[in-house]
Amino acid sequence: MRNLLEQLEGYTPWNEQEERDRVVLLSMLKSGQDLWTRENETAHFTASAWVTDPTRTKVLMCYHNIYDSWSWLGGHADGDRDLLVVALREVGEESGLTSVRPVSENLFSLEILTVDGHEKRGRYVPSHLHLNVTYLLEADDAEPLAVKPDENSAVGWFGLAEAVAASSEPWFRERIYAKLNAKLRARVN
């Protein structure tokens, strides 16, 4: 199992957003709070995935029902402290893909995400923070895709620029997806 504290301490931030979020993530992780389950309604860990095809020219996105936007794949730790396992599981559940593999077991990105209050399965979920880490994963873009109807209504492959443009959430487009693509391009070159 990968130790998150060690991963965060050894992580080299890409930009100011990652540097500032890294400081907060480390502080919260060291606080002793339960950040691994949704029982903490203020903040909890999530894992996301930037899923690319083998050529690194396409990324996988899903149309997220709650946010009414195309977005990356991922989900809650729900007690699992191995966030790479969480990211892999969530990609499988949200896309139907079975051949997903890590490009690296290292953190690809990190971010603190705000989540507005919303209804989920008939119950109100208060506004909170997702303490998120992102992994770079790879999958075969010819493998069949399947939606997870209780979470998304579409799944598809997009060119790198098209993936950013597909999102209807400006902050994600500008601060997250554009950053992930820049990091992906830097890794390829």
N, C-alpha and C. Protein backbone atom coordinates (compact mmCIF):
# COMPACT_ATOMS: atom_id res chain seq x y z
N MET A 1 0.85 -1.19 0.00
CA MET A 1 0.00 0.00 0.00
C MET A 1 0.90 1.24 0.00
N ARG A 2 0.54 2.19 -0.82
CA ARG A 2 1.27 3.45 -0.89
C ARG A 2 0.84 4.35 0.28
N ASN A 3 1.80 4.89 1.02
CA ASN A 3 1.53 5.76 2.16
C ASN A 3 1.31 7.18 1.65
N LEU A 4 0.13 7.73 1.86
CA LEU A 4 -0.21 9.04 1.31
C LEU A 4 0.66 10.14 1.91
N LEU A 5 0.94 10.07 3.19
CA LEU A 5 1.77 11.10 3.81
C LEU A 5 3.14 11.15 3.13
N GLU A 6 3.76 9.99 2.93
CA GLU A 6 5.05 9.95 2.24
C GLU A 6 4.95 10.45 0.81
N GLN A 7 3.86 10.09 0.12
CA GLN A 7 3.68 10.55 -1.25
C GLN A 7 3.56 12.07 -1.31
N LEU A 8 2.78 12.65 -0.41
CA LEU A 8 2.60 14.10 -0.40
C LEU A 8 3.88 14.82 -0.02
N GLU A 9 4.61 14.27 0.97
CA GLU A 9 5.87 14.90 1.38
C GLU A 9 6.89 14.87 0.25
N GLY A 10 6.89 13.83 -0.56
CA GLY A 10 7.84 13.71 -1.65
C GLY A 10 7.38 14.31 -2.97
N TYR A 11 6.17 14.85 -3.00
CA TYR A 11 5.58 15.35 -4.24
C TYR A 11 6.16 16.72 -4.61
N THR A 12 6.51 16.89 -5.88
CA THR A 12 6.98 18.18 -6.39
C THR A 12 5.83 18.89 -7.08
N PRO A 13 5.34 19.98 -6.48
CA PRO A 13 4.20 20.69 -7.07
C PRO A 13 4.53 21.26 -8.45
N TRP A 14 3.50 21.27 -9.31
CA TRP A 14 3.62 21.77 -10.67
C TRP A 14 3.48 23.29 -10.73
N ASN A 15 2.62 23.83 -9.84
CA ASN A 15 2.32 25.26 -9.88
C ASN A 15 1.93 25.74 -8.48
N GLU A 16 1.56 27.00 -8.37
CA GLU A 16 1.21 27.57 -7.07
C GLU A 16 -0.02 26.88 -6.46
N GLN A 17 -1.00 26.56 -7.29
CA GLN A 17 -2.20 25.88 -6.78
C GLN A 17 -1.81 24.58 -6.10
N GLU A 18 -0.96 23.79 -6.73
CA GLU A 18 -0.55 22.51 -6.12
C GLU A 18 0.29 22.74 -4.87
N GLU A 19 1.16 23.74 -4.90
CA GLU A 19 2.00 24.02 -3.73
C GLU A 19 1.14 24.40 -2.53
N ARG A 20 0.20 25.29 -2.75
CA ARG A 20 -0.66 25.75 -1.64
C ARG A 20 -1.58 24.62 -1.16
N ASP A 21 -2.15 23.88 -2.11
CA ASP A 21 -3.04 22.77 -1.73
C ASP A 21 -2.25 21.66 -1.01
N ARG A 22 -1.02 21.43 -1.43
CA ARG A 22 -0.17 20.41 -0.79
C ARG A 22 0.04 20.73 0.69
N VAL A 23 0.30 22.00 1.00
CA VAL A 23 0.49 22.42 2.39
C VAL A 23 -0.76 22.11 3.21
N VAL A 24 -1.92 22.45 2.67
CA VAL A 24 -3.18 22.20 3.39
C VAL A 24 -3.43 20.70 3.52
N LEU A 25 -3.21 19.94 2.44
CA LEU A 25 -3.42 18.49 2.50
C LEU A 25 -2.54 17.86 3.57
N LEU A 26 -1.27 18.24 3.62
CA LEU A 26 -0.37 17.69 4.64
C LEU A 26 -0.84 18.05 6.04
N SER A 27 -1.24 19.30 6.24
CA SER A 27 -1.71 19.73 7.55
C SER A 27 -2.95 18.95 7.97
N MET A 28 -3.89 18.79 7.06
CA MET A 28 -5.11 18.06 7.39
C MET A 28 -4.82 16.58 7.65
N LEU A 29 -3.94 16.00 6.85
CA LEU A 29 -3.60 14.59 7.02
C LEU A 29 -2.95 14.35 8.38
N LYS A 30 -2.15 15.30 8.84
CA LYS A 30 -1.46 15.18 10.14
C LYS A 30 -2.36 15.53 11.32
N SER A 31 -3.56 16.06 11.06
CA SER A 31 -4.45 16.54 12.13
C SER A 31 -5.09 15.43 12.95
N GLY A 32 -5.10 14.23 12.43
CA GLY A 32 -5.73 13.12 13.15
C GLY A 32 -7.22 12.99 12.89
N GLN A 33 -7.79 13.88 12.08
CA GLN A 33 -9.21 13.79 11.73
C GLN A 33 -9.46 12.55 10.87
N ASP A 34 -10.68 12.05 10.91
CA ASP A 34 -11.08 11.00 9.96
C ASP A 34 -11.37 11.69 8.64
N LEU A 35 -10.43 11.58 7.71
CA LEU A 35 -10.59 12.17 6.39
C LEU A 35 -10.80 11.10 5.33
N TRP A 36 -10.93 9.86 5.75
CA TRP A 36 -10.99 8.73 4.82
C TRP A 36 -12.41 8.29 4.51
N THR A 37 -13.40 8.83 5.25
CA THR A 37 -14.79 8.44 5.00
C THR A 37 -15.67 9.68 4.86
N ARG A 38 -16.83 9.48 4.31
CA ARG A 38 -17.79 10.57 4.17
C ARG A 38 -18.45 10.93 5.48
N GLU A 39 -18.13 10.21 6.54
CA GLU A 39 -18.62 10.58 7.87
C GLU A 39 -18.15 11.98 8.23
N ASN A 40 -16.99 12.36 7.72
CA ASN A 40 -16.51 13.73 7.88
C ASN A 40 -17.19 14.55 6.80
N GLU A 41 -18.20 15.29 7.20
CA GLU A 41 -19.01 16.03 6.22
C GLU A 41 -18.38 17.36 5.82
N THR A 42 -17.21 17.68 6.38
CA THR A 42 -16.52 18.92 6.03
C THR A 42 -15.49 18.69 4.94
N ALA A 43 -14.73 17.59 5.06
CA ALA A 43 -13.67 17.30 4.09
C ALA A 43 -13.31 15.82 4.15
N HIS A 44 -13.04 15.23 2.99
CA HIS A 44 -12.61 13.83 2.95
C HIS A 44 -11.84 13.56 1.67
N PHE A 45 -11.05 12.47 1.70
CA PHE A 45 -10.20 12.13 0.56
C PHE A 45 -10.98 11.52 -0.59
N THR A 46 -10.56 11.94 -1.78
CA THR A 46 -11.06 11.37 -3.03
C THR A 46 -9.86 11.11 -3.93
N ALA A 47 -10.08 10.27 -4.91
CA ALA A 47 -9.04 9.98 -5.91
C ALA A 47 -9.65 10.12 -7.29
N SER A 48 -8.95 10.84 -8.14
CA SER A 48 -9.39 11.02 -9.52
C SER A 48 -8.36 10.41 -10.46
N ALA A 49 -8.78 10.26 -11.71
CA ALA A 49 -7.90 9.68 -12.72
C ALA A 49 -7.97 10.51 -13.99
N TRP A 50 -6.81 10.78 -14.55
CA TRP A 50 -6.71 11.35 -15.89
C TRP A 50 -6.35 10.15 -16.74
N VAL A 51 -7.35 9.60 -17.39
CA VAL A 51 -7.19 8.35 -18.14
C VAL A 51 -6.87 8.70 -19.59
N THR A 52 -5.74 8.21 -20.06
CA THR A 52 -5.29 8.49 -21.41
C THR A 52 -5.23 7.19 -22.22
N ASP A 53 -5.27 7.36 -23.53
CA ASP A 53 -5.06 6.21 -24.41
C ASP A 53 -3.55 5.97 -24.52
N PRO A 54 -3.11 4.85 -25.10
CA PRO A 54 -1.67 4.58 -25.19
C PRO A 54 -0.86 5.62 -25.97
N THR A 55 -1.50 6.35 -26.89
CA THR A 55 -0.77 7.36 -27.66
C THR A 55 -0.68 8.69 -26.93
N ARG A 56 -1.36 8.84 -25.80
CA ARG A 56 -1.41 10.06 -25.00
C ARG A 56 -2.01 11.24 -25.76
N THR A 57 -2.91 10.93 -26.71
CA THR A 57 -3.57 11.99 -27.48
C THR A 57 -5.04 12.14 -27.13
N LYS A 58 -5.57 11.22 -26.33
CA LYS A 58 -6.99 11.26 -25.93
C LYS A 58 -7.10 11.00 -24.43
N VAL A 59 -8.16 11.57 -23.84
CA VAL A 59 -8.47 11.30 -22.44
C VAL A 59 -9.94 10.90 -22.32
N LEU A 60 -10.22 10.12 -21.30
CA LEU A 60 -11.56 9.62 -21.06
C LEU A 60 -12.31 10.56 -20.12
N MET A 61 -13.52 10.91 -20.50
CA MET A 61 -14.37 11.77 -19.69
C MET A 61 -15.74 11.11 -19.53
N CYS A 62 -16.43 11.48 -18.45
CA CYS A 62 -17.81 11.02 -18.29
C CYS A 62 -18.70 12.25 -18.10
N TYR A 63 -19.96 12.11 -18.48
CA TYR A 63 -20.91 13.19 -18.26
C TYR A 63 -21.51 12.98 -16.88
N HIS A 64 -21.06 13.78 -15.91
CA HIS A 64 -21.44 13.61 -14.51
C HIS A 64 -22.82 14.20 -14.27
N ASN A 65 -23.74 13.38 -13.78
CA ASN A 65 -25.13 13.82 -13.60
C ASN A 65 -25.30 14.94 -12.59
N ILE A 66 -24.62 14.87 -11.44
CA ILE A 66 -24.79 15.89 -10.40
C ILE A 66 -24.26 17.24 -10.87
N TYR A 67 -23.10 17.24 -11.53
CA TYR A 67 -22.48 18.50 -11.94
C TYR A 67 -22.93 18.95 -13.31
N ASP A 68 -23.68 18.11 -14.01
CA ASP A 68 -24.21 18.45 -15.33
C ASP A 68 -23.08 18.93 -16.24
N SER A 69 -21.99 18.14 -16.27
CA SER A 69 -20.81 18.52 -17.03
C SER A 69 -19.98 17.29 -17.36
N TRP A 70 -19.23 17.38 -18.44
CA TRP A 70 -18.21 16.38 -18.72
C TRP A 70 -17.08 16.56 -17.71
N SER A 71 -16.60 15.44 -17.16
CA SER A 71 -15.56 15.54 -16.14
C SER A 71 -14.67 14.30 -16.14
N TRP A 72 -13.59 14.40 -15.39
CA TRP A 72 -12.72 13.25 -15.18
C TRP A 72 -13.45 12.21 -14.37
N LEU A 73 -12.83 11.06 -14.16
CA LEU A 73 -13.44 9.98 -13.40
C LEU A 73 -12.76 9.89 -12.03
N GLY A 74 -13.50 9.42 -11.05
CA GLY A 74 -12.93 9.27 -9.71
C GLY A 74 -14.02 9.20 -8.67
N GLY A 75 -13.59 9.11 -7.41
CA GLY A 75 -14.58 9.01 -6.36
C GLY A 75 -13.97 9.01 -4.96
N HIS A 76 -14.81 8.73 -4.00
CA HIS A 76 -14.47 8.79 -2.58
C HIS A 76 -13.60 7.61 -2.14
N ALA A 77 -12.74 7.89 -1.16
CA ALA A 77 -11.89 6.83 -0.58
C ALA A 77 -12.76 5.80 0.15
N ASP A 78 -13.80 6.26 0.81
CA ASP A 78 -14.71 5.38 1.56
C ASP A 78 -13.96 4.37 2.43
N GLY A 79 -12.95 4.88 3.15
CA GLY A 79 -12.20 4.05 4.09
C GLY A 79 -10.95 3.41 3.52
N ASP A 80 -10.81 3.36 2.22
CA ASP A 80 -9.63 2.76 1.59
C ASP A 80 -8.50 3.79 1.60
N ARG A 81 -7.37 3.45 2.19
CA ARG A 81 -6.24 4.37 2.28
C ARG A 81 -5.28 4.26 1.10
N ASP A 82 -5.54 3.35 0.19
CA ASP A 82 -4.72 3.23 -1.02
C ASP A 82 -5.49 3.93 -2.15
N LEU A 83 -5.16 5.20 -2.37
CA LEU A 83 -5.95 6.01 -3.29
C LEU A 83 -5.74 5.62 -4.75
N LEU A 84 -4.63 4.98 -5.09
CA LEU A 84 -4.48 4.46 -6.45
C LEU A 84 -5.51 3.35 -6.69
N VAL A 85 -5.71 2.51 -5.72
CA VAL A 85 -6.73 1.45 -5.83
C VAL A 85 -8.11 2.08 -5.99
N VAL A 86 -8.37 3.17 -5.26
CA VAL A 86 -9.65 3.88 -5.36
C VAL A 86 -9.83 4.41 -6.78
N ALA A 87 -8.80 5.06 -7.32
CA ALA A 87 -8.90 5.63 -8.67
C ALA A 87 -9.16 4.53 -9.70
N LEU A 88 -8.44 3.43 -9.61
CA LEU A 88 -8.64 2.32 -10.55
C LEU A 88 -10.05 1.75 -10.44
N ARG A 89 -10.52 1.58 -9.21
CA ARG A 89 -11.87 1.03 -8.99
C ARG A 89 -12.93 1.97 -9.57
N GLU A 90 -12.80 3.25 -9.30
CA GLU A 90 -13.78 4.22 -9.77
C GLU A 90 -13.83 4.29 -11.29
N VAL A 91 -12.68 4.24 -11.94
CA VAL A 91 -12.66 4.26 -13.40
C VAL A 91 -13.40 3.05 -13.95
N GLY A 92 -13.16 1.89 -13.37
CA GLY A 92 -13.87 0.68 -13.81
C GLY A 92 -15.37 0.81 -13.62
N GLU A 93 -15.78 1.29 -12.44
CA GLU A 93 -17.21 1.42 -12.14
C GLU A 93 -17.88 2.46 -13.04
N GLU A 94 -17.21 3.57 -13.31
CA GLU A 94 -17.83 4.68 -14.03
C GLU A 94 -17.75 4.55 -15.55
N SER A 95 -16.88 3.65 -16.04
CA SER A 95 -16.69 3.56 -17.49
C SER A 95 -16.91 2.16 -18.06
N GLY A 96 -16.89 1.14 -17.20
CA GLY A 96 -17.00 -0.23 -17.69
C GLY A 96 -15.67 -0.80 -18.18
N LEU A 97 -14.62 0.01 -18.18
CA LEU A 97 -13.32 -0.47 -18.65
C LEU A 97 -12.73 -1.50 -17.68
N THR A 98 -12.08 -2.52 -18.23
CA THR A 98 -11.47 -3.55 -17.39
C THR A 98 -9.96 -3.60 -17.54
N SER A 99 -9.41 -2.91 -18.53
CA SER A 99 -7.97 -3.00 -18.80
C SER A 99 -7.22 -1.74 -18.38
N VAL A 100 -7.70 -1.06 -17.36
CA VAL A 100 -7.08 0.19 -16.91
C VAL A 100 -5.83 -0.14 -16.08
N ARG A 101 -4.77 0.62 -16.34
CA ARG A 101 -3.52 0.40 -15.61
C ARG A 101 -2.85 1.74 -15.33
N PRO A 102 -2.08 1.80 -14.25
CA PRO A 102 -1.38 3.05 -13.95
C PRO A 102 -0.22 3.27 -14.91
N VAL A 103 -0.06 4.50 -15.37
CA VAL A 103 1.14 4.86 -16.11
C VAL A 103 2.29 4.92 -15.10
N SER A 104 1.97 5.38 -13.89
CA SER A 104 2.90 5.43 -12.77
C SER A 104 2.08 5.29 -11.50
N GLU A 105 2.70 4.75 -10.45
CA GLU A 105 2.02 4.67 -9.16
C GLU A 105 2.17 5.96 -8.38
N ASN A 106 2.95 6.90 -8.89
CA ASN A 106 3.15 8.19 -8.22
C ASN A 106 1.95 9.10 -8.46
N LEU A 107 1.77 10.06 -7.55
CA LEU A 107 0.73 11.07 -7.73
C LEU A 107 1.02 11.85 -9.01
N PHE A 108 -0.03 12.10 -9.79
CA PHE A 108 0.11 12.89 -11.01
C PHE A 108 -0.25 14.35 -10.74
N SER A 109 -1.19 14.56 -9.84
CA SER A 109 -1.67 15.90 -9.55
C SER A 109 -2.37 15.88 -8.20
N LEU A 110 -2.54 17.05 -7.62
CA LEU A 110 -3.34 17.14 -6.40
C LEU A 110 -4.07 18.46 -6.39
N GLU A 111 -5.22 18.44 -5.74
CA GLU A 111 -6.08 19.60 -5.69
C GLU A 111 -7.10 19.46 -4.56
N ILE A 112 -7.48 20.61 -4.02
CA ILE A 112 -8.60 20.65 -3.07
C ILE A 112 -9.79 21.19 -3.85
N LEU A 113 -10.86 20.42 -3.88
CA LEU A 113 -12.03 20.73 -4.70
C LEU A 113 -13.22 21.09 -3.81
N THR A 114 -13.91 22.15 -4.15
CA THR A 114 -15.12 22.52 -3.42
C THR A 114 -16.31 21.81 -4.05
N VAL A 115 -17.17 21.31 -3.20
CA VAL A 115 -18.38 20.62 -3.67
C VAL A 115 -19.58 21.34 -3.06
N ASP A 116 -20.43 21.87 -3.93
CA ASP A 116 -21.64 22.54 -3.44
C ASP A 116 -22.62 21.51 -2.88
N GLY A 117 -23.43 21.94 -1.95
CA GLY A 117 -24.47 21.07 -1.43
C GLY A 117 -25.37 20.58 -2.54
N HIS A 118 -25.83 19.33 -2.43
CA HIS A 118 -26.65 18.73 -3.49
C HIS A 118 -27.43 17.54 -2.94
N GLU A 119 -28.38 17.09 -3.73
CA GLU A 119 -29.15 15.89 -3.39
C GLU A 119 -28.46 14.68 -4.02
N LYS A 120 -28.32 13.62 -3.25
CA LYS A 120 -27.79 12.36 -3.79
C LYS A 120 -28.60 11.22 -3.19
N ARG A 121 -29.21 10.46 -4.10
CA ARG A 121 -30.06 9.34 -3.69
C ARG A 121 -31.11 9.77 -2.68
N GLY A 122 -31.72 10.94 -2.96
CA GLY A 122 -32.82 11.43 -2.13
C GLY A 122 -32.42 12.06 -0.82
N ARG A 123 -31.12 12.26 -0.60
CA ARG A 123 -30.65 12.81 0.68
C ARG A 123 -29.76 14.03 0.40
N TYR A 124 -29.91 15.06 1.22
CA TYR A 124 -29.10 16.25 1.05
C TYR A 124 -27.68 16.02 1.56
N VAL A 125 -26.71 16.39 0.73
CA VAL A 125 -25.29 16.33 1.09
C VAL A 125 -24.81 17.77 1.23
N PRO A 126 -24.33 18.16 2.43
CA PRO A 126 -23.90 19.55 2.61
C PRO A 126 -22.63 19.88 1.81
N SER A 127 -22.43 21.15 1.56
CA SER A 127 -21.21 21.61 0.89
C SER A 127 -19.99 21.13 1.69
N HIS A 128 -18.93 20.73 0.96
CA HIS A 128 -17.74 20.21 1.62
C HIS A 128 -16.54 20.26 0.68
N LEU A 129 -15.40 19.79 1.16
CA LEU A 129 -14.18 19.75 0.36
C LEU A 129 -13.81 18.31 0.01
N HIS A 130 -13.35 18.14 -1.22
CA HIS A 130 -12.73 16.88 -1.62
C HIS A 130 -11.22 17.11 -1.60
N LEU A 131 -10.54 16.38 -0.75
CA LEU A 131 -9.08 16.41 -0.66
C LEU A 131 -8.60 15.41 -1.69
N ASN A 132 -8.32 15.89 -2.88
CA ASN A 132 -8.17 15.01 -4.04
C ASN A 132 -6.73 14.81 -4.48
N VAL A 133 -6.43 13.57 -4.83
CA VAL A 133 -5.19 13.26 -5.54
C VAL A 133 -5.58 12.62 -6.86
N THR A 134 -4.77 12.87 -7.87
CA THR A 134 -5.05 12.38 -9.22
C THR A 134 -3.92 11.49 -9.68
N TYR A 135 -4.29 10.40 -10.34
CA TYR A 135 -3.32 9.46 -10.91
C TYR A 135 -3.46 9.47 -12.42
N LEU A 136 -2.35 9.27 -13.10
CA LEU A 136 -2.35 9.14 -14.56
C LEU A 136 -2.51 7.65 -14.87
N LEU A 137 -3.61 7.34 -15.53
CA LEU A 137 -3.92 5.95 -15.89
C LEU A 137 -4.00 5.82 -17.40
N GLU A 138 -3.91 4.59 -17.87
CA GLU A 138 -3.97 4.31 -19.30
C GLU A 138 -4.97 3.19 -19.55
N ALA A 139 -5.67 3.30 -20.67
CA ALA A 139 -6.63 2.27 -21.06
C ALA A 139 -6.67 2.19 -22.58
N ASP A 140 -7.18 1.08 -23.07
CA ASP A 140 -7.34 0.86 -24.50
C ASP A 140 -8.59 1.59 -24.96
N ASP A 141 -8.44 2.56 -25.86
CA ASP A 141 -9.59 3.34 -26.30
C ASP A 141 -10.52 2.58 -27.22
N ALA A 142 -10.16 1.34 -27.59
CA ALA A 142 -11.05 0.50 -28.40
C ALA A 142 -11.95 -0.39 -27.54
N GLU A 143 -11.66 -0.46 -26.24
CA GLU A 143 -12.46 -1.27 -25.33
C GLU A 143 -13.85 -0.65 -25.17
N PRO A 144 -14.90 -1.46 -25.13
CA PRO A 144 -16.26 -0.91 -24.98
C PRO A 144 -16.42 -0.13 -23.67
N LEU A 145 -17.23 0.91 -23.73
CA LEU A 145 -17.53 1.74 -22.58
C LEU A 145 -18.96 1.52 -22.11
N ALA A 146 -19.21 1.75 -20.84
CA ALA A 146 -20.56 1.63 -20.29
C ALA A 146 -20.77 2.72 -19.25
N VAL A 147 -21.95 3.29 -19.22
CA VAL A 147 -22.27 4.31 -18.22
C VAL A 147 -22.63 3.66 -16.89
N LYS A 148 -22.54 4.46 -15.85
CA LYS A 148 -23.03 4.08 -14.52
C LYS A 148 -24.21 5.00 -14.25
N PRO A 149 -25.43 4.56 -14.58
CA PRO A 149 -26.59 5.46 -14.63
C PRO A 149 -26.86 6.28 -13.37
N ASP A 150 -26.49 5.78 -12.20
CA ASP A 150 -26.73 6.57 -10.99
C ASP A 150 -25.71 7.69 -10.82
N GLU A 151 -24.66 7.72 -11.67
CA GLU A 151 -23.64 8.77 -11.57
C GLU A 151 -23.40 9.53 -12.86
N ASN A 152 -23.43 8.82 -14.00
CA ASN A 152 -23.15 9.51 -15.25
C ASN A 152 -24.09 9.04 -16.35
N SER A 153 -24.20 9.86 -17.38
CA SER A 153 -25.11 9.52 -18.47
C SER A 153 -24.39 9.32 -19.80
N ALA A 154 -23.06 9.47 -19.79
CA ALA A 154 -22.27 9.23 -21.00
C ALA A 154 -20.81 9.08 -20.61
N VAL A 155 -20.08 8.34 -21.41
CA VAL A 155 -18.64 8.17 -21.25
C VAL A 155 -18.04 8.21 -22.63
N GLY A 156 -16.92 8.93 -22.80
CA GLY A 156 -16.32 8.99 -24.12
C GLY A 156 -14.90 9.50 -24.10
N TRP A 157 -14.20 9.20 -25.20
CA TRP A 157 -12.83 9.65 -25.39
C TRP A 157 -12.83 11.00 -26.11
N PHE A 158 -11.96 11.91 -25.68
CA PHE A 158 -11.84 13.25 -26.25
C PHE A 158 -10.38 13.53 -26.55
N GLY A 159 -10.13 14.30 -27.60
CA GLY A 159 -8.80 14.86 -27.79
C GLY A 159 -8.48 15.74 -26.60
N LEU A 160 -7.22 16.03 -26.36
CA LEU A 160 -6.84 16.78 -25.15
C LEU A 160 -7.54 18.13 -25.06
N ALA A 161 -7.51 18.92 -26.12
CA ALA A 161 -8.17 20.23 -26.09
C ALA A 161 -9.68 20.08 -26.00
N GLU A 162 -10.23 19.09 -26.68
CA GLU A 162 -11.68 18.87 -26.67
C GLU A 162 -12.17 18.48 -25.27
N ALA A 163 -11.34 17.76 -24.52
CA ALA A 163 -11.72 17.37 -23.15
C ALA A 163 -11.89 18.60 -22.28
N VAL A 164 -10.98 19.54 -22.40
CA VAL A 164 -11.07 20.78 -21.62
C VAL A 164 -12.31 21.55 -22.03
N ALA A 165 -12.51 21.69 -23.33
CA ALA A 165 -13.65 22.47 -23.85
C ALA A 165 -14.99 21.83 -23.51
N ALA A 166 -15.03 20.52 -23.34
CA ALA A 166 -16.29 19.82 -23.07
C ALA A 166 -16.85 20.13 -21.68
N SER A 167 -15.99 20.49 -20.75
CA SER A 167 -16.45 20.78 -19.40
C SER A 167 -17.20 22.10 -19.37
N SER A 168 -18.30 22.14 -18.63
CA SER A 168 -19.07 23.38 -18.47
C SER A 168 -18.68 24.10 -17.18
N GLU A 169 -17.64 23.62 -16.50
CA GLU A 169 -17.20 24.21 -15.23
C GLU A 169 -15.91 25.00 -15.46
N PRO A 170 -16.00 26.34 -15.49
CA PRO A 170 -14.82 27.15 -15.82
C PRO A 170 -13.59 26.88 -14.95
N TRP A 171 -13.77 26.75 -13.65
CA TRP A 171 -12.62 26.53 -12.77
C TRP A 171 -11.92 25.21 -13.11
N PHE A 172 -12.69 24.17 -13.38
CA PHE A 172 -12.09 22.89 -13.76
C PHE A 172 -11.37 23.01 -15.11
N ARG A 173 -12.00 23.69 -16.07
CA ARG A 173 -11.36 23.86 -17.38
C ARG A 173 -10.01 24.56 -17.23
N GLU A 174 -10.02 25.68 -16.53
CA GLU A 174 -8.84 26.54 -16.47
C GLU A 174 -7.78 26.05 -15.49
N ARG A 175 -8.19 25.56 -14.34
CA ARG A 175 -7.24 25.22 -13.28
C ARG A 175 -6.88 23.74 -13.19
N ILE A 176 -7.77 22.87 -13.62
CA ILE A 176 -7.50 21.45 -13.44
C ILE A 176 -7.22 20.76 -14.77
N TYR A 177 -8.20 20.72 -15.66
CA TYR A 177 -8.02 19.95 -16.90
C TYR A 177 -6.92 20.51 -17.79
N ALA A 178 -6.80 21.83 -17.89
CA ALA A 178 -5.70 22.41 -18.67
C ALA A 178 -4.35 22.05 -18.04
N LYS A 179 -4.30 22.07 -16.71
CA LYS A 179 -3.07 21.70 -16.00
C LYS A 179 -2.73 20.23 -16.25
N LEU A 180 -3.71 19.36 -16.17
CA LEU A 180 -3.46 17.93 -16.38
C LEU A 180 -2.93 17.68 -17.79
N ASN A 181 -3.49 18.38 -18.76
CA ASN A 181 -3.01 18.22 -20.14
C ASN A 181 -1.59 18.75 -20.30
N ALA A 182 -1.29 19.88 -19.65
CA ALA A 182 0.07 20.43 -19.72
C ALA A 182 1.06 19.45 -19.11
N LYS A 183 0.68 18.85 -17.99
CA LYS A 183 1.57 17.88 -17.35
C LYS A 183 1.73 16.63 -18.23
N LEU A 184 0.65 16.22 -18.88
CA LEU A 184 0.70 15.07 -19.77
C LEU A 184 1.63 15.36 -20.95
N ARG A 185 1.49 16.53 -21.55
CA ARG A 185 2.35 16.91 -22.68
C ARG A 185 3.82 16.96 -22.26
N ALA A 186 4.10 17.51 -21.08
CA ALA A 186 5.47 17.60 -20.58
C ALA A 186 6.06 16.21 -20.35
N ARG A 187 5.23 15.29 -19.94
CA ARG A 187 5.67 13.91 -19.69
C ARG A 187 6.00 13.20 -20.99
N VAL A 188 5.26 13.50 -22.04
CA VAL A 188 5.44 12.85 -23.34
C VAL A 188 6.68 13.39 -24.04
N ASN A 189 6.93 14.69 -23.93
CA ASN A 189 8.06 15.33 -24.65
C ASN A 189 9.39 15.13 -23.97
